[in-house]
Amino acid sequence: MARKGRKRKNVAREPNGRPSRKGAPRVQFDHGTARAKMKFERYGTDGADAIGRAYQAGLLGEHADAIKDTARRIAKAYWPMLEVGSYRCTLSDSFGGSNDNTDNRRAKAREQWLTGILRAIDQMGRAHRRAFDELVIDIHPDSGPTWLDRAIYARRRNEMLDQADANRLSMAVSAIERIIG
């Protein structure tokens, strides 16, 4: 008579018939690649965005903490504002998603705050806005923008910053400082 069920694995067994757990691989924490380790050692928890890497490199100037915190608040407000809303089911008129209890007044106030900030930066000129966007708004989780990477590298090697890179950094920081007040 044929045996039913799964095929028995050919492994060492305990006296009760269970597969032996002796010598079983232990679960180990994955620390990531060598590059991820190096990035964490260099930047700590600030390595996930461009403003954090600039902060850790000491490129933000005198009010670095306030600049970093303000830039992160702006980035945190910017991306949800672009969200389309809850998704719709293609088979019915129902809506999906779990966030139906949004506070519209708070969302409107945040949108007005953010658009006021972006208008103030727009008034500074296109170059300031581009530098601000590259440092604060654009998503650069591992590296970038390239001018910031060059500035960080020059700072690490105690070299002079390239003038164009220093100008871009200065424009981005001055835009954030204008917002701070």
N, C-alpha and C. Protein backbone atom coordinates (compact mmCIF):
# COMPACT_ATOMS: atom_id res chain seq x y z
N MET A 1 0.84 -1.17 0.00
CA MET A 1 0.00 0.00 0.00
C MET A 1 0.89 1.23 0.00
N ALA A 2 0.54 2.20 -0.83
CA ALA A 2 1.33 3.41 -0.97
C ALA A 2 1.10 4.33 0.22
N ARG A 3 2.14 5.05 0.55
CA ARG A 3 2.07 5.97 1.68
C ARG A 3 1.48 7.29 1.21
N LYS A 4 0.56 7.88 2.01
CA LYS A 4 -0.06 9.14 1.66
C LYS A 4 0.70 10.30 2.30
N GLY A 5 0.55 11.48 1.74
CA GLY A 5 1.14 12.68 2.34
C GLY A 5 2.45 13.04 1.66
N ARG A 6 3.14 13.95 2.32
CA ARG A 6 4.39 14.42 1.76
C ARG A 6 5.48 13.38 1.88
N LYS A 7 6.41 13.49 0.99
CA LYS A 7 7.56 12.60 1.00
C LYS A 7 8.40 12.92 2.23
N ARG A 8 8.89 11.92 2.89
CA ARG A 8 9.67 12.12 4.11
C ARG A 8 11.06 12.64 3.76
N LYS A 9 11.48 13.70 4.49
CA LYS A 9 12.80 14.27 4.24
C LYS A 9 13.86 13.36 4.83
N ASN A 10 14.94 13.24 4.11
CA ASN A 10 16.02 12.36 4.52
C ASN A 10 16.99 13.15 5.40
N VAL A 11 16.62 13.34 6.67
CA VAL A 11 17.45 14.06 7.63
C VAL A 11 17.56 13.25 8.90
N ALA A 12 18.50 13.62 9.75
CA ALA A 12 18.64 12.96 11.05
C ALA A 12 17.38 13.21 11.87
N ARG A 13 16.98 12.22 12.66
CA ARG A 13 15.73 12.32 13.41
C ARG A 13 15.97 12.09 14.90
N GLU A 14 15.06 12.68 15.68
CA GLU A 14 15.05 12.46 17.12
C GLU A 14 14.38 11.13 17.39
N PRO A 15 14.49 10.59 18.62
CA PRO A 15 13.85 9.29 18.91
C PRO A 15 12.34 9.27 18.68
N ASN A 16 11.68 10.45 18.78
CA ASN A 16 10.23 10.48 18.57
C ASN A 16 9.84 10.59 17.10
N GLY A 17 10.82 10.70 16.20
CA GLY A 17 10.54 10.75 14.78
C GLY A 17 10.61 12.12 14.16
N ARG A 18 10.64 13.16 14.98
CA ARG A 18 10.74 14.52 14.42
C ARG A 18 12.13 14.74 13.84
N PRO A 19 12.23 15.60 12.83
CA PRO A 19 13.56 15.95 12.32
C PRO A 19 14.38 16.61 13.44
N SER A 20 15.64 16.26 13.52
CA SER A 20 16.51 16.77 14.57
C SER A 20 16.78 18.25 14.37
N ARG A 21 16.74 19.01 15.50
CA ARG A 21 17.03 20.44 15.44
C ARG A 21 18.49 20.71 15.79
N LYS A 22 19.22 19.67 16.09
CA LYS A 22 20.62 19.83 16.43
C LYS A 22 21.37 20.27 15.18
N GLY A 23 22.12 21.33 15.29
CA GLY A 23 22.89 21.83 14.16
C GLY A 23 22.05 22.64 13.18
N ALA A 24 20.80 22.96 13.57
CA ALA A 24 19.96 23.76 12.69
C ALA A 24 20.51 25.18 12.60
N PRO A 25 20.37 25.80 11.47
CA PRO A 25 20.90 27.16 11.34
C PRO A 25 20.16 28.11 12.27
N ARG A 26 20.92 28.97 12.92
CA ARG A 26 20.33 29.95 13.82
C ARG A 26 20.00 31.22 13.02
N VAL A 27 18.96 31.88 13.44
CA VAL A 27 18.56 33.12 12.77
C VAL A 27 19.55 34.20 13.16
N GLN A 28 20.09 34.87 12.17
CA GLN A 28 21.05 35.93 12.42
C GLN A 28 20.54 37.23 11.82
N PHE A 29 20.87 38.31 12.47
CA PHE A 29 20.48 39.63 11.97
C PHE A 29 21.30 39.97 10.75
N ASP A 30 20.63 40.41 9.70
CA ASP A 30 21.32 40.79 8.48
C ASP A 30 21.71 42.25 8.59
N HIS A 31 23.00 42.51 8.63
CA HIS A 31 23.50 43.88 8.76
C HIS A 31 23.63 44.57 7.41
N GLY A 32 23.25 43.93 6.36
CA GLY A 32 23.31 44.54 5.04
C GLY A 32 24.64 44.33 4.37
N THR A 33 24.78 44.98 3.27
CA THR A 33 26.01 44.86 2.49
C THR A 33 27.13 45.67 3.13
N ALA A 34 28.31 45.52 2.60
CA ALA A 34 29.45 46.29 3.11
C ALA A 34 29.21 47.78 2.88
N ARG A 35 28.58 48.12 1.76
CA ARG A 35 28.29 49.53 1.48
C ARG A 35 27.28 50.08 2.47
N ALA A 36 26.27 49.29 2.83
CA ALA A 36 25.27 49.74 3.80
C ALA A 36 25.91 49.93 5.18
N LYS A 37 26.81 49.04 5.56
CA LYS A 37 27.52 49.19 6.83
C LYS A 37 28.36 50.46 6.84
N MET A 38 29.08 50.69 5.75
CA MET A 38 29.93 51.88 5.64
C MET A 38 29.08 53.15 5.72
N LYS A 39 27.94 53.13 5.06
CA LYS A 39 27.05 54.29 5.06
C LYS A 39 26.52 54.56 6.46
N PHE A 40 26.16 53.51 7.19
CA PHE A 40 25.65 53.69 8.54
C PHE A 40 26.76 54.17 9.48
N GLU A 41 27.96 53.67 9.31
CA GLU A 41 29.08 54.12 10.14
C GLU A 41 29.40 55.59 9.88
N ARG A 42 29.29 56.01 8.64
CA ARG A 42 29.64 57.38 8.28
C ARG A 42 28.54 58.37 8.66
N TYR A 43 27.27 58.03 8.41
CA TYR A 43 26.19 58.99 8.59
C TYR A 43 25.24 58.65 9.73
N GLY A 44 25.33 57.47 10.30
CA GLY A 44 24.37 57.08 11.32
C GLY A 44 22.98 56.96 10.71
N THR A 45 21.99 57.43 11.44
CA THR A 45 20.62 57.35 10.94
C THR A 45 20.28 58.50 10.00
N ASP A 46 21.21 59.42 9.77
CA ASP A 46 20.97 60.55 8.88
C ASP A 46 21.35 60.28 7.43
N GLY A 47 21.69 59.06 7.09
CA GLY A 47 22.16 58.77 5.74
C GLY A 47 21.08 58.46 4.74
N ALA A 48 19.82 58.53 5.13
CA ALA A 48 18.74 58.12 4.24
C ALA A 48 18.23 59.24 3.35
N ASP A 49 18.70 60.47 3.54
CA ASP A 49 18.28 61.57 2.69
C ASP A 49 19.44 62.54 2.50
N ALA A 50 19.32 63.37 1.49
CA ALA A 50 20.41 64.29 1.14
C ALA A 50 20.67 65.29 2.26
N ILE A 51 19.63 65.81 2.87
CA ILE A 51 19.81 66.81 3.92
C ILE A 51 20.52 66.21 5.12
N GLY A 52 20.25 64.95 5.43
CA GLY A 52 20.92 64.28 6.54
C GLY A 52 22.40 64.07 6.26
N ARG A 53 22.73 63.69 5.03
CA ARG A 53 24.14 63.51 4.67
C ARG A 53 24.88 64.84 4.71
N ALA A 54 24.23 65.92 4.25
CA ALA A 54 24.85 67.24 4.31
C ALA A 54 25.05 67.67 5.76
N TYR A 55 24.09 67.35 6.60
CA TYR A 55 24.18 67.68 8.03
C TYR A 55 25.37 66.95 8.67
N GLN A 56 25.48 65.66 8.41
CA GLN A 56 26.57 64.88 9.01
C GLN A 56 27.93 65.31 8.49
N ALA A 57 27.98 65.81 7.27
CA ALA A 57 29.25 66.27 6.70
C ALA A 57 29.62 67.67 7.19
N GLY A 58 28.70 68.34 7.89
CA GLY A 58 28.98 69.67 8.40
C GLY A 58 28.88 70.75 7.35
N LEU A 59 28.00 70.57 6.39
CA LEU A 59 27.89 71.52 5.28
C LEU A 59 26.74 72.51 5.44
N LEU A 60 25.95 72.41 6.51
CA LEU A 60 24.75 73.24 6.61
C LEU A 60 24.97 74.54 7.35
N GLY A 61 26.14 74.76 7.90
CA GLY A 61 26.44 76.05 8.49
C GLY A 61 26.10 76.15 9.97
N GLU A 62 25.85 77.38 10.38
CA GLU A 62 25.73 77.71 11.80
C GLU A 62 24.49 77.11 12.46
N HIS A 63 23.37 77.16 11.79
CA HIS A 63 22.10 76.68 12.35
C HIS A 63 21.73 75.33 11.75
N ALA A 64 22.66 74.41 11.75
CA ALA A 64 22.50 73.14 11.04
C ALA A 64 21.32 72.32 11.55
N ASP A 65 21.12 72.27 12.87
CA ASP A 65 20.00 71.48 13.40
C ASP A 65 18.66 72.03 12.94
N ALA A 66 18.49 73.33 13.01
CA ALA A 66 17.23 73.95 12.58
C ALA A 66 17.02 73.77 11.08
N ILE A 67 18.09 73.88 10.30
CA ILE A 67 17.99 73.70 8.85
C ILE A 67 17.57 72.28 8.52
N LYS A 68 18.21 71.31 9.16
CA LYS A 68 17.88 69.90 8.91
C LYS A 68 16.44 69.61 9.30
N ASP A 69 16.02 70.05 10.47
CA ASP A 69 14.67 69.76 10.95
C ASP A 69 13.60 70.43 10.08
N THR A 70 13.84 71.67 9.68
CA THR A 70 12.89 72.37 8.81
C THR A 70 12.79 71.70 7.45
N ALA A 71 13.93 71.32 6.89
CA ALA A 71 13.93 70.66 5.58
C ALA A 71 13.17 69.34 5.65
N ARG A 72 13.35 68.61 6.70
CA ARG A 72 12.64 67.33 6.82
C ARG A 72 11.15 67.53 7.03
N ARG A 73 10.75 68.58 7.75
CA ARG A 73 9.32 68.86 7.90
C ARG A 73 8.70 69.21 6.54
N ILE A 74 9.43 69.97 5.74
CA ILE A 74 8.92 70.34 4.41
C ILE A 74 8.79 69.10 3.53
N ALA A 75 9.81 68.25 3.52
CA ALA A 75 9.75 67.03 2.70
C ALA A 75 8.63 66.12 3.16
N LYS A 76 8.44 66.05 4.46
CA LYS A 76 7.37 65.19 5.00
C LYS A 76 5.99 65.71 4.62
N ALA A 77 5.84 67.01 4.50
CA ALA A 77 4.55 67.59 4.10
C ALA A 77 4.36 67.56 2.59
N TYR A 78 5.45 67.62 1.84
CA TYR A 78 5.36 67.75 0.38
C TYR A 78 4.80 66.50 -0.27
N TRP A 79 5.34 65.34 0.05
CA TRP A 79 4.95 64.14 -0.69
C TRP A 79 3.53 63.68 -0.43
N PRO A 80 3.00 63.71 0.79
CA PRO A 80 1.58 63.34 0.95
C PRO A 80 0.62 64.30 0.26
N MET A 81 1.05 65.56 0.06
CA MET A 81 0.18 66.52 -0.61
C MET A 81 -0.04 66.11 -2.06
N LEU A 82 0.91 65.40 -2.66
CA LEU A 82 0.77 64.98 -4.04
C LEU A 82 -0.04 63.70 -4.20
N GLU A 83 -0.41 63.09 -3.09
CA GLU A 83 -1.13 61.83 -3.13
C GLU A 83 -2.47 62.00 -3.84
N VAL A 84 -2.88 61.01 -4.59
CA VAL A 84 -4.10 61.09 -5.38
C VAL A 84 -5.33 60.88 -4.53
N GLY A 85 -5.22 60.12 -3.47
CA GLY A 85 -6.37 59.81 -2.62
C GLY A 85 -6.54 58.32 -2.53
N SER A 86 -7.65 57.90 -1.95
CA SER A 86 -7.88 56.47 -1.79
C SER A 86 -8.20 55.84 -3.14
N TYR A 87 -7.88 54.58 -3.27
CA TYR A 87 -8.10 53.89 -4.54
C TYR A 87 -9.54 53.41 -4.63
N ARG A 88 -9.99 53.23 -5.84
CA ARG A 88 -11.36 52.77 -6.08
C ARG A 88 -11.33 51.35 -6.57
N CYS A 89 -12.35 50.62 -6.23
CA CYS A 89 -12.50 49.25 -6.71
C CYS A 89 -13.02 49.30 -8.14
N THR A 90 -12.44 48.51 -9.03
CA THR A 90 -12.87 48.52 -10.43
C THR A 90 -14.17 47.75 -10.63
N LEU A 91 -14.58 46.97 -9.64
CA LEU A 91 -15.78 46.17 -9.78
C LEU A 91 -17.02 46.81 -9.18
N SER A 92 -16.85 47.83 -8.35
CA SER A 92 -18.01 48.47 -7.74
C SER A 92 -17.70 49.94 -7.49
N ASP A 93 -18.63 50.60 -6.84
CA ASP A 93 -18.45 52.02 -6.54
C ASP A 93 -17.80 52.25 -5.19
N SER A 94 -17.34 51.19 -4.55
CA SER A 94 -16.79 51.35 -3.20
C SER A 94 -15.36 51.87 -3.26
N PHE A 95 -14.95 52.48 -2.19
CA PHE A 95 -13.61 53.01 -2.05
C PHE A 95 -12.81 52.09 -1.14
N GLY A 96 -11.50 52.02 -1.39
CA GLY A 96 -10.63 51.22 -0.53
C GLY A 96 -9.75 52.11 0.30
N GLY A 97 -9.01 51.49 1.18
CA GLY A 97 -8.10 52.25 2.04
C GLY A 97 -8.64 52.34 3.44
N SER A 98 -7.75 52.60 4.38
CA SER A 98 -8.17 52.60 5.77
C SER A 98 -8.17 53.99 6.37
N ASN A 99 -7.83 55.00 5.61
CA ASN A 99 -7.73 56.34 6.16
C ASN A 99 -8.89 57.20 5.68
N ASP A 100 -10.09 56.89 6.16
CA ASP A 100 -11.26 57.64 5.75
C ASP A 100 -11.56 58.79 6.71
N ASN A 101 -10.87 58.84 7.83
CA ASN A 101 -11.17 59.86 8.83
C ASN A 101 -10.12 60.97 8.81
N THR A 102 -9.88 61.53 7.63
CA THR A 102 -8.88 62.59 7.54
C THR A 102 -9.44 63.88 8.09
N ASP A 103 -8.57 64.66 8.69
CA ASP A 103 -8.94 65.97 9.21
C ASP A 103 -8.69 66.98 8.10
N ASN A 104 -9.73 67.37 7.41
CA ASN A 104 -9.59 68.23 6.24
C ASN A 104 -9.05 69.61 6.59
N ARG A 105 -9.39 70.12 7.77
CA ARG A 105 -8.88 71.44 8.15
C ARG A 105 -7.37 71.40 8.34
N ARG A 106 -6.87 70.37 8.99
CA ARG A 106 -5.42 70.25 9.19
C ARG A 106 -4.71 70.05 7.86
N ALA A 107 -5.29 69.21 6.99
CA ALA A 107 -4.67 68.98 5.69
C ALA A 107 -4.65 70.26 4.87
N LYS A 108 -5.71 71.05 4.93
CA LYS A 108 -5.76 72.31 4.21
C LYS A 108 -4.74 73.31 4.78
N ALA A 109 -4.61 73.34 6.09
CA ALA A 109 -3.64 74.25 6.73
C ALA A 109 -2.22 73.85 6.35
N ARG A 110 -1.94 72.56 6.32
CA ARG A 110 -0.60 72.09 5.93
C ARG A 110 -0.32 72.43 4.47
N GLU A 111 -1.33 72.26 3.63
CA GLU A 111 -1.15 72.60 2.21
C GLU A 111 -0.88 74.09 2.03
N GLN A 112 -1.59 74.93 2.76
CA GLN A 112 -1.36 76.37 2.66
C GLN A 112 0.03 76.73 3.19
N TRP A 113 0.45 76.10 4.28
CA TRP A 113 1.79 76.35 4.83
C TRP A 113 2.85 75.97 3.80
N LEU A 114 2.69 74.81 3.20
CA LEU A 114 3.67 74.34 2.24
C LEU A 114 3.68 75.19 0.97
N THR A 115 2.54 75.52 0.45
CA THR A 115 2.52 76.34 -0.76
C THR A 115 3.07 77.74 -0.49
N GLY A 116 2.86 78.26 0.71
CA GLY A 116 3.47 79.55 1.07
C GLY A 116 4.98 79.47 1.07
N ILE A 117 5.52 78.36 1.61
CA ILE A 117 6.97 78.16 1.63
C ILE A 117 7.51 78.05 0.21
N LEU A 118 6.85 77.26 -0.61
CA LEU A 118 7.33 77.06 -1.99
C LEU A 118 7.24 78.35 -2.80
N ARG A 119 6.22 79.16 -2.55
CA ARG A 119 6.13 80.45 -3.25
C ARG A 119 7.26 81.39 -2.82
N ALA A 120 7.58 81.37 -1.52
CA ALA A 120 8.67 82.23 -1.02
C ALA A 120 9.99 81.82 -1.65
N ILE A 121 10.19 80.53 -1.83
CA ILE A 121 11.43 80.06 -2.45
C ILE A 121 11.41 80.37 -3.94
N ASP A 122 10.26 80.26 -4.58
CA ASP A 122 10.15 80.61 -6.00
C ASP A 122 10.52 82.07 -6.23
N GLN A 123 10.19 82.94 -5.28
CA GLN A 123 10.51 84.36 -5.42
C GLN A 123 12.01 84.62 -5.37
N MET A 124 12.76 83.69 -4.81
CA MET A 124 14.21 83.84 -4.73
C MET A 124 14.87 83.58 -6.08
N GLY A 125 14.16 82.91 -6.97
CA GLY A 125 14.69 82.65 -8.30
C GLY A 125 14.74 81.16 -8.61
N ARG A 126 14.86 80.88 -9.90
CA ARG A 126 14.83 79.50 -10.37
C ARG A 126 16.01 78.68 -9.84
N ALA A 127 17.20 79.28 -9.76
CA ALA A 127 18.39 78.55 -9.30
C ALA A 127 18.25 78.16 -7.84
N HIS A 128 17.69 79.06 -7.01
CA HIS A 128 17.47 78.73 -5.60
C HIS A 128 16.46 77.59 -5.47
N ARG A 129 15.39 77.67 -6.25
CA ARG A 129 14.36 76.64 -6.17
C ARG A 129 14.91 75.29 -6.61
N ARG A 130 15.72 75.27 -7.67
CA ARG A 130 16.29 74.02 -8.16
C ARG A 130 17.22 73.40 -7.10
N ALA A 131 18.07 74.23 -6.50
CA ALA A 131 18.99 73.74 -5.48
C ALA A 131 18.22 73.25 -4.25
N PHE A 132 17.17 73.99 -3.87
CA PHE A 132 16.33 73.58 -2.74
C PHE A 132 15.65 72.25 -3.01
N ASP A 133 15.07 72.12 -4.20
CA ASP A 133 14.40 70.87 -4.56
C ASP A 133 15.36 69.69 -4.53
N GLU A 134 16.56 69.89 -5.06
CA GLU A 134 17.53 68.79 -5.10
C GLU A 134 17.97 68.38 -3.71
N LEU A 135 18.08 69.32 -2.80
CA LEU A 135 18.53 69.00 -1.45
C LEU A 135 17.41 68.51 -0.55
N VAL A 136 16.21 69.07 -0.69
CA VAL A 136 15.13 68.79 0.26
C VAL A 136 14.03 67.91 -0.31
N ILE A 137 13.52 68.25 -1.47
CA ILE A 137 12.32 67.61 -2.00
C ILE A 137 12.62 66.30 -2.73
N ASP A 138 13.59 66.32 -3.64
CA ASP A 138 13.88 65.14 -4.44
C ASP A 138 14.35 64.00 -3.55
N ILE A 139 14.00 62.79 -3.93
CA ILE A 139 14.33 61.62 -3.12
C ILE A 139 15.71 61.12 -3.54
N HIS A 140 16.64 61.17 -2.60
CA HIS A 140 18.01 60.68 -2.81
C HIS A 140 18.37 59.78 -1.62
N PRO A 141 17.90 58.53 -1.60
CA PRO A 141 18.12 57.70 -0.41
C PRO A 141 19.56 57.23 -0.23
N ASP A 142 20.31 57.01 -1.28
CA ASP A 142 21.66 56.47 -1.15
C ASP A 142 22.75 57.47 -1.50
N SER A 143 22.51 58.24 -2.51
CA SER A 143 23.49 59.23 -2.93
C SER A 143 22.77 60.29 -3.72
N GLY A 144 23.47 61.40 -3.94
CA GLY A 144 22.89 62.45 -4.75
C GLY A 144 22.38 63.58 -3.90
N PRO A 145 22.13 64.68 -4.50
CA PRO A 145 22.49 65.06 -5.85
C PRO A 145 24.00 65.06 -6.05
N THR A 146 24.43 65.03 -7.27
CA THR A 146 25.85 64.86 -7.54
C THR A 146 26.69 66.00 -6.98
N TRP A 147 26.18 67.22 -6.99
CA TRP A 147 26.94 68.33 -6.43
C TRP A 147 27.13 68.17 -4.93
N LEU A 148 26.14 67.59 -4.24
CA LEU A 148 26.29 67.36 -2.81
C LEU A 148 27.29 66.24 -2.54
N ASP A 149 27.25 65.18 -3.37
CA ASP A 149 28.23 64.10 -3.21
C ASP A 149 29.65 64.61 -3.38
N ARG A 150 29.86 65.49 -4.37
CA ARG A 150 31.19 66.06 -4.57
C ARG A 150 31.60 66.94 -3.38
N ALA A 151 30.65 67.70 -2.84
CA ALA A 151 30.96 68.56 -1.69
C ALA A 151 31.28 67.74 -0.45
N ILE A 152 30.55 66.66 -0.22
CA ILE A 152 30.83 65.79 0.92
C ILE A 152 32.20 65.14 0.77
N TYR A 153 32.50 64.69 -0.44
CA TYR A 153 33.80 64.06 -0.69
C TYR A 153 34.93 65.05 -0.47
N ALA A 154 34.76 66.28 -0.95
CA ALA A 154 35.80 67.31 -0.75
C ALA A 154 35.96 67.64 0.73
N ARG A 155 34.85 67.71 1.46
CA ARG A 155 34.92 68.01 2.89
C ARG A 155 35.64 66.89 3.64
N ARG A 156 35.36 65.65 3.25
CA ARG A 156 36.00 64.50 3.90
C ARG A 156 37.50 64.50 3.68
N ARG A 157 37.93 64.95 2.51
CA ARG A 157 39.36 64.97 2.18
C ARG A 157 40.03 66.29 2.54
N ASN A 158 39.29 67.18 3.22
CA ASN A 158 39.78 68.51 3.61
C ASN A 158 40.27 69.31 2.41
N GLU A 159 39.53 69.22 1.33
CA GLU A 159 39.84 69.98 0.12
C GLU A 159 38.85 71.13 -0.01
N MET A 160 39.16 72.05 -0.86
CA MET A 160 38.25 73.16 -1.14
C MET A 160 37.07 72.64 -1.97
N LEU A 161 35.88 73.14 -1.66
CA LEU A 161 34.70 72.78 -2.44
C LEU A 161 34.78 73.45 -3.80
N ASP A 162 34.31 72.76 -4.81
CA ASP A 162 34.19 73.35 -6.14
C ASP A 162 33.25 74.55 -6.03
N GLN A 163 33.55 75.62 -6.73
CA GLN A 163 32.79 76.85 -6.59
C GLN A 163 31.32 76.67 -6.99
N ALA A 164 31.08 75.92 -8.06
CA ALA A 164 29.69 75.70 -8.50
C ALA A 164 28.93 74.88 -7.46
N ASP A 165 29.57 73.87 -6.88
CA ASP A 165 28.92 73.05 -5.85
C ASP A 165 28.66 73.88 -4.60
N ALA A 166 29.63 74.71 -4.23
CA ALA A 166 29.46 75.57 -3.05
C ALA A 166 28.33 76.57 -3.27
N ASN A 167 28.20 77.08 -4.49
CA ASN A 167 27.11 78.01 -4.80
C ASN A 167 25.76 77.34 -4.70
N ARG A 168 25.66 76.13 -5.23
CA ARG A 168 24.38 75.40 -5.15
C ARG A 168 24.01 75.12 -3.70
N LEU A 169 24.98 74.66 -2.92
CA LEU A 169 24.73 74.40 -1.51
C LEU A 169 24.31 75.68 -0.79
N SER A 170 24.98 76.76 -1.09
CA SER A 170 24.66 78.05 -0.47
C SER A 170 23.25 78.49 -0.83
N MET A 171 22.84 78.30 -2.08
CA MET A 171 21.49 78.69 -2.49
C MET A 171 20.44 77.85 -1.77
N ALA A 172 20.68 76.54 -1.66
CA ALA A 172 19.72 75.67 -0.99
C ALA A 172 19.61 76.02 0.49
N VAL A 173 20.74 76.25 1.13
CA VAL A 173 20.74 76.57 2.56
C VAL A 173 20.10 77.94 2.79
N SER A 174 20.38 78.90 1.93
CA SER A 174 19.79 80.23 2.11
C SER A 174 18.27 80.18 1.93
N ALA A 175 17.78 79.31 1.05
CA ALA A 175 16.34 79.16 0.88
C ALA A 175 15.71 78.60 2.15
N ILE A 176 16.35 77.63 2.77
CA ILE A 176 15.82 77.07 4.01
C ILE A 176 15.91 78.09 5.14
N GLU A 177 17.01 78.83 5.20
CA GLU A 177 17.17 79.85 6.24
C GLU A 177 16.11 80.95 6.10
N ARG A 178 15.73 81.26 4.88
CA ARG A 178 14.67 82.26 4.68
C ARG A 178 13.35 81.78 5.29
N ILE A 179 13.10 80.49 5.17
CA ILE A 179 11.87 79.91 5.73
C ILE A 179 11.92 79.94 7.26
N ILE A 180 13.10 79.63 7.80
CA ILE A 180 13.25 79.59 9.25
C ILE A 180 12.99 80.98 9.84
N GLY A 181 13.43 82.01 9.12
CA GLY A 181 13.06 83.32 9.58
C GLY A 181 14.12 84.29 9.78
